[in-house]
N, C-alpha and C. Protein backbone atom coordinates (compact mmCIF):
# COMPACT_ATOMS: atom_id res chain seq x y z
N MET A 1 99.94 111.29 76.94
CA MET A 1 100.97 110.27 76.99
C MET A 1 101.65 110.23 75.63
N SER A 2 102.94 110.28 75.61
CA SER A 2 103.71 110.34 74.38
C SER A 2 104.41 109.01 74.12
N THR A 3 104.43 108.62 72.86
CA THR A 3 105.12 107.38 72.50
C THR A 3 106.48 107.66 71.87
N VAL A 4 106.90 108.92 71.81
CA VAL A 4 108.21 109.27 71.28
C VAL A 4 109.26 108.76 72.26
N LYS A 5 110.24 108.00 71.76
CA LYS A 5 111.18 107.34 72.66
C LYS A 5 112.49 108.10 72.85
N ASN A 6 112.74 109.11 72.08
CA ASN A 6 114.03 109.80 72.19
C ASN A 6 114.10 110.62 73.48
N GLU A 7 113.52 111.79 73.46
CA GLU A 7 113.65 112.70 74.60
C GLU A 7 112.49 112.57 75.58
N HIS A 8 111.45 111.87 75.21
CA HIS A 8 110.27 111.78 76.07
C HIS A 8 110.13 110.41 76.75
N THR A 9 111.19 109.63 76.74
CA THR A 9 111.11 108.28 77.32
C THR A 9 110.78 108.34 78.80
N LYS A 10 111.42 109.25 79.54
CA LYS A 10 111.16 109.35 80.97
C LYS A 10 109.71 109.76 81.22
N GLY A 11 109.22 110.70 80.44
CA GLY A 11 107.83 111.13 80.59
C GLY A 11 106.86 110.00 80.31
N PHE A 12 107.18 109.19 79.32
CA PHE A 12 106.33 108.05 78.97
C PHE A 12 106.31 107.04 80.11
N LYS A 13 107.48 106.77 80.70
CA LYS A 13 107.54 105.82 81.81
C LYS A 13 106.77 106.33 83.01
N VAL A 14 106.87 107.62 83.29
CA VAL A 14 106.15 108.22 84.41
C VAL A 14 104.65 108.12 84.16
N ASP A 15 104.22 108.39 82.93
CA ASP A 15 102.82 108.30 82.60
C ASP A 15 102.31 106.87 82.78
N CYS A 16 103.10 105.89 82.37
CA CYS A 16 102.70 104.49 82.52
C CYS A 16 102.58 104.11 83.99
N LEU A 17 103.55 104.54 84.79
CA LEU A 17 103.50 104.24 86.23
C LEU A 17 102.32 104.94 86.90
N ALA A 18 102.06 106.17 86.49
CA ALA A 18 100.92 106.91 87.06
C ALA A 18 99.61 106.21 86.69
N MET A 19 99.50 105.76 85.47
CA MET A 19 98.28 105.05 85.05
C MET A 19 98.13 103.74 85.80
N ALA A 20 99.22 103.01 85.99
CA ALA A 20 99.17 101.75 86.72
C ALA A 20 98.73 101.99 88.16
N LEU A 21 99.25 103.02 88.79
CA LEU A 21 98.86 103.36 90.15
C LEU A 21 97.39 103.76 90.21
N ALA A 22 96.95 104.54 89.24
CA ALA A 22 95.54 104.96 89.20
C ALA A 22 94.62 103.75 89.04
N TYR A 23 94.98 102.81 88.18
CA TYR A 23 94.16 101.60 88.01
C TYR A 23 94.12 100.78 89.29
N LYS A 24 95.24 100.70 89.99
CA LYS A 24 95.29 99.96 91.26
C LYS A 24 94.38 100.63 92.28
N GLU A 25 94.46 101.96 92.37
CA GLU A 25 93.62 102.70 93.32
C GLU A 25 92.14 102.53 92.98
N MET A 26 91.81 102.56 91.70
CA MET A 26 90.41 102.37 91.31
C MET A 26 89.94 100.97 91.66
N GLY A 27 90.80 99.99 91.47
CA GLY A 27 90.46 98.62 91.82
C GLY A 27 90.22 98.47 93.31
N ASP A 28 91.08 99.08 94.12
CA ASP A 28 90.91 99.04 95.58
C ASP A 28 89.61 99.72 95.99
N LEU A 29 89.31 100.85 95.36
CA LEU A 29 88.09 101.58 95.67
C LEU A 29 86.86 100.75 95.28
N ASN A 30 86.90 100.12 94.12
CA ASN A 30 85.77 99.29 93.68
C ASN A 30 85.57 98.11 94.63
N LEU A 31 86.65 97.52 95.12
CA LEU A 31 86.54 96.42 96.07
C LEU A 31 85.89 96.90 97.37
N THR A 32 86.31 98.06 97.86
CA THR A 32 85.73 98.61 99.08
C THR A 32 84.24 98.90 98.90
N ILE A 33 83.88 99.47 97.77
CA ILE A 33 82.47 99.76 97.50
C ILE A 33 81.67 98.48 97.43
N ALA A 34 82.20 97.45 96.78
CA ALA A 34 81.49 96.17 96.68
C ALA A 34 81.27 95.55 98.05
N LYS A 35 82.28 95.63 98.92
CA LYS A 35 82.14 95.08 100.27
C LYS A 35 81.06 95.84 101.04
N GLU A 36 81.06 97.16 100.93
CA GLU A 36 80.06 97.96 101.64
C GLU A 36 78.65 97.67 101.11
N MET A 37 78.52 97.52 99.81
CA MET A 37 77.21 97.23 99.23
C MET A 37 76.72 95.86 99.68
N ASP A 38 77.61 94.89 99.75
CA ASP A 38 77.25 93.56 100.22
C ASP A 38 76.77 93.63 101.67
N TYR A 39 77.49 94.38 102.50
CA TYR A 39 77.10 94.54 103.90
C TYR A 39 75.72 95.20 104.00
N LEU A 40 75.50 96.25 103.22
CA LEU A 40 74.21 96.94 103.26
C LEU A 40 73.08 96.05 102.78
N GLU A 41 73.36 95.20 101.80
CA GLU A 41 72.34 94.28 101.31
C GLU A 41 71.93 93.30 102.41
N TRP A 42 72.91 92.76 103.14
CA TRP A 42 72.59 91.84 104.24
C TRP A 42 71.85 92.55 105.36
N GLU A 43 72.21 93.80 105.64
CA GLU A 43 71.49 94.56 106.66
C GLU A 43 70.04 94.78 106.24
N ALA A 44 69.83 95.10 104.98
CA ALA A 44 68.46 95.31 104.48
C ALA A 44 67.65 94.02 104.58
N ILE A 45 68.26 92.90 104.26
CA ILE A 45 67.56 91.61 104.35
C ILE A 45 67.17 91.33 105.79
N ARG A 46 68.06 91.57 106.73
CA ARG A 46 67.75 91.33 108.15
C ARG A 46 66.63 92.24 108.63
N ILE A 47 66.64 93.50 108.21
CA ILE A 47 65.60 94.44 108.62
C ILE A 47 64.25 94.01 108.06
N ILE A 48 64.22 93.61 106.80
CA ILE A 48 62.96 93.18 106.18
C ILE A 48 62.45 91.91 106.84
N GLU A 49 63.33 90.96 107.11
CA GLU A 49 62.90 89.72 107.78
C GLU A 49 62.36 90.02 109.17
N SER A 50 63.01 90.91 109.89
CA SER A 50 62.53 91.28 111.22
C SER A 50 61.17 91.95 111.14
N PHE A 51 61.00 92.83 110.17
CA PHE A 51 59.73 93.52 109.98
C PHE A 51 58.62 92.52 109.66
N LEU A 52 58.91 91.56 108.77
CA LEU A 52 57.90 90.56 108.41
C LEU A 52 57.55 89.67 109.60
N GLU A 53 58.53 89.32 110.41
CA GLU A 53 58.26 88.53 111.61
C GLU A 53 57.36 89.29 112.58
N LYS A 54 57.62 90.58 112.76
CA LYS A 54 56.79 91.40 113.65
C LYS A 54 55.38 91.53 113.10
N MET A 55 55.25 91.66 111.78
CA MET A 55 53.92 91.77 111.18
C MET A 55 53.14 90.48 111.38
N ASN A 56 53.78 89.33 111.23
CA ASN A 56 53.12 88.04 111.45
C ASN A 56 52.74 87.88 112.91
N ALA A 57 53.58 88.36 113.82
CA ALA A 57 53.28 88.26 115.25
C ALA A 57 52.07 89.11 115.61
N LEU A 58 51.91 90.25 114.98
CA LEU A 58 50.77 91.12 115.26
C LEU A 58 49.47 90.56 114.70
N GLU A 59 49.54 89.84 113.60
CA GLU A 59 48.34 89.28 112.98
C GLU A 59 47.78 88.11 113.77
N ILE A 60 48.63 87.38 114.47
CA ILE A 60 48.18 86.18 115.19
C ILE A 60 47.60 86.55 116.49
């Protein structure tokens, strides 16, 4: 990325826009990953609770 403003101004603007788009895409990807991890965490909790309930039912 160049900060020279004479002949490279257009290149600088394109670089800034490309970086802004990349940051937006990374943010969207991080949000998607966080949602999936939250879903997987709840699934794991339900599976463990079900397993513990079955274990208690077998002991009685």
